[in-house]
Amino acid sequence: MENCIATDLQSSIHHLRARACWAMGHLAILVDKNSEFFIKVVRCVVAMLRDPQLPVRFQACVALRWLIHDASTRGPTVTVQAVIGEQLPQIMEQLFTLMDQVGSDELVQTLE
């Protein structure tokens, strides 16, 4: 994951960035939630919420849902809380803006 998917998070091709977000969201359960790699991925996905391309922003929002959620506690991952806690107002603003543009049920689930 680190050598293939994570490198595409910073690709110059917007389709690759969007697919990398999608993949990281779906494979988040395989990553150690306390690792430096996981924190790096979360920061990268949060940064992509401001990407100029709509598909990248959409996939970043959806991936964030899976990166935040900890299945064992049925709540947010503790390490993610520390990473995004200070950026939460900006993240919420980006999410609401994207909801106005797209109007997807997946974005509503991210809010939950």
Foldseek 3Di string as FASTA:
>chain_A
DVVPLVVLCPDPDLVSVLVSLQVCLVCLVVDDLPDPSLLVSLVSLLVQLPPPDLSNVVSSLLSNLSSQADVVVRGGDPVVCVSCVVVVVVSVVSLVVSCVVPVDPSSVSSVD
